[in-house]
């Protein structure tokens, strides 16, 4: 049985899509660390080149220095962001009673409005919410 040209092209397209999907699903996790390493090397290349040209520091030593410098910068940024996050969590924990009071007031307003809107006996929705 011979396939028509259009069916053959369609089958080839679906086969290619499936092959690309399977390739990305299984090979991308293996490829990402190398891509990340290349990006880091690309970031450090100007610093290492400067150290090698101007100060005559070997490339390996300059690369190690560059990696340490990059780790230091990342550590400082993470410490700063961690401190901000910690302060925000503390502020949130201190204000929980205020948030709880506001939420309780809003629920009570909602219950009273619902009772009036639907013609329920006063406090009916509040009893349902409290249960």
N, C-alpha and C. Protein backbone atom coordinates (compact mmCIF):
# COMPACT_ATOMS: atom_id res chain seq x y z
N UNK A 1 0.84 -1.18 0.00
CA UNK A 1 0.00 0.00 0.00
C UNK A 1 0.89 1.24 0.00
N UNK A 2 0.74 2.05 -1.01
CA UNK A 2 1.52 3.27 -1.11
C UNK A 2 0.76 4.43 -0.47
N UNK A 3 1.50 5.25 0.23
CA UNK A 3 0.91 6.43 0.85
C UNK A 3 0.96 7.59 -0.13
N UNK A 4 -0.04 8.42 -0.09
CA UNK A 4 -0.01 9.60 -0.94
C UNK A 4 1.05 10.56 -0.41
N UNK A 5 1.37 11.51 -1.24
CA UNK A 5 2.43 12.46 -0.88
C UNK A 5 2.06 13.26 0.37
N UNK A 6 0.81 13.68 0.48
CA UNK A 6 0.38 14.47 1.64
C UNK A 6 0.39 13.63 2.92
N UNK A 7 -0.08 12.38 2.83
CA UNK A 7 -0.08 11.52 4.01
C UNK A 7 1.34 11.21 4.45
N UNK A 8 2.21 11.01 3.48
CA UNK A 8 3.61 10.73 3.80
C UNK A 8 4.25 11.94 4.50
N UNK A 9 3.97 13.12 3.99
CA UNK A 9 4.49 14.35 4.59
C UNK A 9 3.95 14.54 6.00
N UNK A 10 2.66 14.26 6.19
CA UNK A 10 2.03 14.37 7.50
C UNK A 10 2.64 13.38 8.49
N UNK A 11 2.84 12.14 8.05
CA UNK A 11 3.46 11.12 8.89
C UNK A 11 4.89 11.51 9.26
N UNK A 12 5.63 12.05 8.31
CA UNK A 12 7.00 12.50 8.57
C UNK A 12 7.01 13.66 9.57
N UNK A 13 6.05 14.57 9.45
CA UNK A 13 5.96 15.70 10.38
C UNK A 13 5.66 15.21 11.80
N UNK A 14 4.68 14.31 11.94
CA UNK A 14 4.37 13.77 13.26
C UNK A 14 5.55 13.00 13.84
N UNK A 15 6.24 12.24 13.01
CA UNK A 15 7.42 11.51 13.47
C UNK A 15 8.50 12.45 13.97
N UNK A 16 8.70 13.54 13.25
CA UNK A 16 9.70 14.54 13.66
C UNK A 16 9.30 15.19 14.98
N UNK A 17 8.03 15.53 15.12
CA UNK A 17 7.56 16.14 16.36
C UNK A 17 7.77 15.20 17.54
N UNK A 18 7.43 13.94 17.36
CA UNK A 18 7.61 12.96 18.43
C UNK A 18 9.09 12.79 18.77
N UNK A 19 9.94 12.74 17.74
CA UNK A 19 11.38 12.59 17.98
C UNK A 19 11.95 13.79 18.74
N UNK A 20 11.52 14.99 18.37
CA UNK A 20 11.99 16.19 19.06
C UNK A 20 11.50 16.19 20.50
N UNK A 21 10.25 15.82 20.73
CA UNK A 21 9.70 15.77 22.08
C UNK A 21 10.48 14.78 22.95
N UNK A 22 10.68 13.58 22.44
CA UNK A 22 11.40 12.56 23.21
C UNK A 22 12.84 13.01 23.44
N UNK A 23 13.46 13.59 22.42
CA UNK A 23 14.83 14.08 22.58
C UNK A 23 14.93 15.15 23.64
N UNK A 24 14.01 16.09 23.64
CA UNK A 24 14.04 17.15 24.64
C UNK A 24 13.71 16.62 26.03
N UNK A 25 12.78 15.68 26.09
CA UNK A 25 12.37 15.15 27.40
C UNK A 25 13.51 14.42 28.09
N UNK A 26 14.28 13.65 27.34
CA UNK A 26 15.31 12.82 27.96
C UNK A 26 16.72 13.41 27.86
N UNK A 27 16.98 14.22 26.85
CA UNK A 27 18.33 14.75 26.69
C UNK A 27 18.52 16.14 27.29
N UNK A 28 17.45 16.91 27.42
CA UNK A 28 17.58 18.26 27.97
C UNK A 28 18.11 18.26 29.39
N UNK A 29 17.66 17.36 30.28
CA UNK A 29 18.25 17.36 31.63
C UNK A 29 19.75 17.08 31.64
N UNK A 30 20.24 16.37 30.63
CA UNK A 30 21.67 16.13 30.54
C UNK A 30 22.41 17.32 29.95
N UNK A 31 21.72 18.11 29.15
CA UNK A 31 22.34 19.22 28.45
C UNK A 31 22.37 20.50 29.28
N UNK A 32 21.41 20.68 30.18
CA UNK A 32 21.28 21.93 30.95
C UNK A 32 22.52 22.25 31.78
N UNK A 33 23.14 21.29 32.49
CA UNK A 33 24.34 21.65 33.26
C UNK A 33 25.48 22.18 32.39
N UNK A 34 25.63 21.62 31.20
CA UNK A 34 26.67 22.11 30.30
C UNK A 34 26.35 23.51 29.79
N UNK A 35 25.09 23.77 29.54
CA UNK A 35 24.67 25.10 29.12
C UNK A 35 24.90 26.11 30.24
N UNK A 36 24.61 25.73 31.47
CA UNK A 36 24.84 26.59 32.63
C UNK A 36 26.34 26.86 32.80
N UNK A 37 27.16 25.82 32.64
CA UNK A 37 28.61 25.99 32.77
C UNK A 37 29.15 26.91 31.67
N UNK A 38 28.63 26.77 30.46
CA UNK A 38 29.06 27.64 29.37
C UNK A 38 28.68 29.09 29.67
N UNK A 39 27.50 29.31 30.23
CA UNK A 39 27.07 30.66 30.57
C UNK A 39 27.99 31.28 31.63
N UNK A 40 28.35 30.49 32.64
CA UNK A 40 29.26 30.99 33.67
C UNK A 40 30.63 31.31 33.07
N UNK A 41 31.13 30.42 32.21
CA UNK A 41 32.42 30.67 31.56
C UNK A 41 32.35 31.92 30.70
N UNK A 42 31.24 32.12 30.02
CA UNK A 42 31.07 33.31 29.18
C UNK A 42 31.07 34.57 30.05
N UNK A 43 30.45 34.50 31.24
CA UNK A 43 30.46 35.65 32.15
C UNK A 43 31.86 35.95 32.68
N UNK A 44 32.62 34.90 32.96
CA UNK A 44 33.93 35.08 33.58
C UNK A 44 35.04 35.36 32.57
N UNK A 45 34.79 35.14 31.31
CA UNK A 45 35.84 35.29 30.30
C UNK A 45 36.52 36.66 30.30
N UNK A 46 35.79 37.77 30.37
CA UNK A 46 36.47 39.08 30.38
C UNK A 46 37.37 39.27 31.60
N UNK A 47 36.92 38.82 32.77
CA UNK A 47 37.72 38.98 33.99
C UNK A 47 38.99 38.15 33.90
N UNK A 48 38.85 36.90 33.46
CA UNK A 48 40.01 36.01 33.35
C UNK A 48 40.98 36.53 32.29
N UNK A 49 40.44 37.02 31.18
CA UNK A 49 41.30 37.59 30.13
C UNK A 49 42.06 38.81 30.63
N UNK A 50 41.41 39.68 31.39
CA UNK A 50 42.08 40.85 31.94
C UNK A 50 43.20 40.43 32.89
N UNK A 51 42.90 39.48 33.78
CA UNK A 51 43.92 39.02 34.73
C UNK A 51 45.10 38.38 34.01
N UNK A 52 44.83 37.67 32.93
CA UNK A 52 45.91 37.00 32.19
C UNK A 52 46.75 38.01 31.40
N UNK A 53 46.09 38.97 30.74
CA UNK A 53 46.82 39.93 29.93
C UNK A 53 47.59 40.95 30.76
N UNK A 54 46.93 41.56 31.70
CA UNK A 54 47.53 42.67 32.44
C UNK A 54 48.42 42.22 33.60
N UNK A 55 47.98 41.21 34.33
CA UNK A 55 48.71 40.80 35.53
C UNK A 55 49.50 39.52 35.34
N UNK A 56 49.43 38.92 34.14
CA UNK A 56 50.17 37.69 33.80
C UNK A 56 49.82 36.53 34.74
N UNK A 57 48.59 36.49 35.19
CA UNK A 57 48.12 35.39 36.03
C UNK A 57 47.70 34.26 35.10
N UNK A 58 48.11 33.01 35.39
CA UNK A 58 47.71 31.89 34.53
C UNK A 58 46.19 31.78 34.43
N UNK A 59 45.72 31.24 33.31
CA UNK A 59 44.28 31.14 33.06
C UNK A 59 43.57 30.31 34.12
N UNK A 60 44.21 29.23 34.57
CA UNK A 60 43.58 28.36 35.57
C UNK A 60 43.38 29.11 36.88
N UNK A 61 44.40 29.84 37.31
CA UNK A 61 44.31 30.60 38.56
C UNK A 61 43.29 31.73 38.41
N UNK A 62 43.32 32.41 37.27
CA UNK A 62 42.35 33.47 37.02
C UNK A 62 40.93 32.94 36.98
N UNK A 63 40.75 31.76 36.37
CA UNK A 63 39.43 31.14 36.34
C UNK A 63 38.94 30.78 37.73
N UNK A 64 39.84 30.23 38.55
CA UNK A 64 39.48 29.91 39.93
C UNK A 64 39.11 31.15 40.71
N UNK A 65 39.90 32.22 40.51
CA UNK A 65 39.60 33.49 41.17
C UNK A 65 38.26 34.03 40.70
N UNK A 66 38.00 33.92 39.41
CA UNK A 66 36.72 34.39 38.87
C UNK A 66 35.54 33.63 39.44
N UNK A 67 35.69 32.31 39.56
CA UNK A 67 34.61 31.50 40.13
C UNK A 67 34.38 31.88 41.59
N UNK A 68 35.47 32.07 42.35
CA UNK A 68 35.32 32.47 43.75
C UNK A 68 34.65 33.84 43.86
N UNK A 69 35.04 34.75 42.97
CA UNK A 69 34.42 36.07 42.96
C UNK A 69 32.93 35.98 42.63
N UNK A 70 32.59 35.15 41.67
CA UNK A 70 31.19 34.96 41.30
C UNK A 70 30.40 34.35 42.46
N UNK A 71 30.99 33.36 43.13
CA UNK A 71 30.33 32.76 44.29
C UNK A 71 30.14 33.77 45.41
N UNK A 72 31.12 34.65 45.60
CA UNK A 72 31.01 35.68 46.62
C UNK A 72 29.87 36.64 46.30
N UNK A 73 29.78 37.06 45.05
CA UNK A 73 28.71 37.98 44.65
C UNK A 73 27.34 37.32 44.83
N UNK A 74 27.23 36.06 44.40
CA UNK A 74 25.96 35.35 44.56
C UNK A 74 25.61 35.18 46.03
N UNK A 75 26.61 34.89 46.87
CA UNK A 75 26.37 34.73 48.30
C UNK A 75 25.89 36.03 48.94
N UNK A 76 26.50 37.14 48.57
CA UNK A 76 26.09 38.44 49.12
C UNK A 76 24.65 38.75 48.70
N UNK A 77 24.33 38.49 47.44
CA UNK A 77 22.97 38.75 46.96
C UNK A 77 21.97 37.87 47.70
N UNK A 78 22.29 36.58 47.86
CA UNK A 78 21.39 35.67 48.56
C UNK A 78 21.22 36.06 50.03
N UNK A 79 22.31 36.49 50.67
CA UNK A 79 22.20 36.94 52.07
C UNK A 79 21.31 38.17 52.18
N UNK A 80 21.47 39.10 51.26
CA UNK A 80 20.65 40.31 51.26
C UNK A 80 19.18 39.97 51.05
N UNK A 81 18.91 39.13 50.04
CA UNK A 81 17.53 38.73 49.78
C UNK A 81 16.96 37.90 50.92
N UNK A 82 17.79 37.06 51.53
CA UNK A 82 17.35 36.26 52.67
C UNK A 82 16.98 37.14 53.85
N UNK A 83 17.77 38.18 54.07
CA UNK A 83 17.47 39.11 55.16
C UNK A 83 16.15 39.84 54.91
N UNK A 84 15.94 40.26 53.69
CA UNK A 84 14.67 40.93 53.35
C UNK A 84 13.50 39.97 53.54
N UNK A 85 13.65 38.74 53.07
CA UNK A 85 12.58 37.75 53.23
C UNK A 85 12.31 37.47 54.70
N UNK A 86 13.37 37.33 55.49
CA UNK A 86 13.22 37.08 56.92
C UNK A 86 12.47 38.22 57.59
N UNK A 87 12.84 39.46 57.27
CA UNK A 87 12.16 40.62 57.86
C UNK A 87 10.68 40.67 57.45
N UNK A 88 10.40 40.32 56.20
CA UNK A 88 9.01 40.32 55.75
C UNK A 88 8.19 39.24 56.46
N UNK A 89 8.78 38.08 56.67
CA UNK A 89 8.08 37.01 57.39
C UNK A 89 7.82 37.43 58.83
N UNK A 90 8.81 38.05 59.48
CA UNK A 90 8.60 38.54 60.85
C UNK A 90 7.49 39.58 60.90
N UNK A 91 7.50 40.50 59.95
CA UNK A 91 6.46 41.53 59.90
C UNK A 91 5.09 40.90 59.70
N UNK A 92 5.02 39.91 58.83
CA UNK A 92 3.75 39.22 58.61
C UNK A 92 3.28 38.51 59.88
N UNK A 93 4.20 37.84 60.57
CA UNK A 93 3.82 37.12 61.79
C UNK A 93 3.36 38.09 62.89
N UNK A 94 4.00 39.25 62.96
CA UNK A 94 3.58 40.25 63.95
C UNK A 94 2.18 40.79 63.64
N UNK A 95 1.86 40.88 62.36
CA UNK A 95 0.58 41.48 61.96
C UNK A 95 -0.54 40.46 61.78
N UNK A 96 -0.31 39.21 62.08
CA UNK A 96 -1.36 38.20 61.92
C UNK A 96 -2.61 38.55 62.72
N UNK A 97 -2.50 39.02 63.97
CA UNK A 97 -3.74 39.39 64.69
C UNK A 97 -4.53 40.48 63.97
N UNK A 98 -3.85 41.44 63.38
CA UNK A 98 -4.54 42.51 62.64
C UNK A 98 -5.24 41.93 61.42
N UNK A 99 -4.53 41.05 60.68
CA UNK A 99 -5.14 40.41 59.51
C UNK A 99 -6.33 39.55 59.92
N UNK A 100 -6.21 38.86 61.04
CA UNK A 100 -7.28 38.00 61.52
C UNK A 100 -8.50 38.85 61.90
N UNK A 101 -8.26 39.96 62.56
CA UNK A 101 -9.36 40.84 62.95
C UNK A 101 -10.05 41.41 61.71
N UNK A 102 -9.28 41.85 60.74
CA UNK A 102 -9.85 42.39 59.50
C UNK A 102 -10.67 41.33 58.77
N UNK A 103 -10.12 40.12 58.69
CA UNK A 103 -10.82 39.03 58.01
C UNK A 103 -12.13 38.70 58.73
N UNK A 104 -12.08 38.67 60.06
CA UNK A 104 -13.29 38.39 60.84
C UNK A 104 -14.35 39.45 60.60
N UNK A 105 -13.95 40.72 60.56
CA UNK A 105 -14.90 41.81 60.30
C UNK A 105 -15.52 41.66 58.91
N UNK A 106 -14.70 41.32 57.93
CA UNK A 106 -15.22 41.17 56.57
C UNK A 106 -16.20 40.00 56.47
N UNK A 107 -15.90 38.91 57.16
CA UNK A 107 -16.80 37.75 57.15
C UNK A 107 -18.12 38.12 57.82
N UNK A 108 -18.05 38.86 58.93
CA UNK A 108 -19.29 39.27 59.61
C UNK A 108 -20.13 40.18 58.72
N UNK A 109 -19.49 41.11 58.04
CA UNK A 109 -20.21 41.99 57.11
C UNK A 109 -20.85 41.16 56.00
N UNK A 110 -20.11 40.20 55.49
CA UNK A 110 -20.62 39.33 54.44
C UNK A 110 -21.84 38.54 54.93
N UNK A 111 -21.75 38.03 56.16
CA UNK A 111 -22.85 37.23 56.72
C UNK A 111 -24.10 38.08 56.93
N UNK A 112 -23.92 39.29 57.47
CA UNK A 112 -25.07 40.18 57.70
C UNK A 112 -25.70 40.56 56.36
N UNK A 113 -24.87 40.89 55.37
CA UNK A 113 -25.38 41.25 54.05
C UNK A 113 -26.10 40.07 53.42
N UNK A 114 -25.53 38.87 53.56
CA UNK A 114 -26.17 37.68 53.01
C UNK A 114 -27.50 37.38 53.67
N UNK A 115 -27.55 37.55 54.99
CA UNK A 115 -28.82 37.34 55.71
C UNK A 115 -29.90 38.28 55.18
N UNK A 116 -29.55 39.56 55.00
CA UNK A 116 -30.52 40.54 54.51
C UNK A 116 -30.89 40.26 53.06
N UNK A 117 -29.90 39.92 52.25
CA UNK A 117 -30.13 39.72 50.82
C UNK A 117 -31.03 38.51 50.56
N UNK A 118 -30.81 37.43 51.26
CA UNK A 118 -31.57 36.21 51.02
C UNK A 118 -32.76 36.04 51.96
N UNK A 119 -32.94 36.98 52.88
CA UNK A 119 -34.09 36.94 53.78
C UNK A 119 -33.97 35.90 54.88
N UNK A 120 -32.76 35.55 55.25
CA UNK A 120 -32.56 34.59 56.34
C UNK A 120 -32.75 35.29 57.68
N UNK A 121 -32.94 34.48 58.71
CA UNK A 121 -33.03 35.01 60.07
C UNK A 121 -31.65 35.56 60.44
N UNK A 122 -31.61 36.67 61.20
CA UNK A 122 -30.33 37.28 61.56
C UNK A 122 -29.42 36.27 62.25
N UNK A 123 -28.18 36.18 61.77
CA UNK A 123 -27.18 35.31 62.37
C UNK A 123 -27.13 33.91 61.77
N UNK A 124 -27.99 33.61 60.78
CA UNK A 124 -28.00 32.26 60.19
C UNK A 124 -26.69 31.94 59.48
N UNK A 125 -26.25 32.84 58.63
CA UNK A 125 -25.00 32.59 57.90
C UNK A 125 -23.80 32.57 58.84
N UNK A 126 -23.86 33.37 59.89
CA UNK A 126 -22.75 33.38 60.85
C UNK A 126 -22.63 32.04 61.55
N UNK A 127 -23.77 31.42 61.86
CA UNK A 127 -23.75 30.09 62.47
C UNK A 127 -23.14 29.06 61.51
N UNK A 128 -23.47 29.17 60.23
CA UNK A 128 -22.92 28.24 59.23
C UNK A 128 -21.41 28.43 59.12
N UNK A 129 -20.97 29.68 59.09
CA UNK A 129 -19.53 29.96 58.96
C UNK A 129 -18.78 29.50 60.20
N UNK A 130 -19.36 29.71 61.38
CA UNK A 130 -18.68 29.32 62.62
C UNK A 130 -18.57 27.81 62.76
N UNK A 131 -19.49 27.07 62.15
CA UNK A 131 -19.42 25.60 62.24
C UNK A 131 -18.31 25.16 61.33
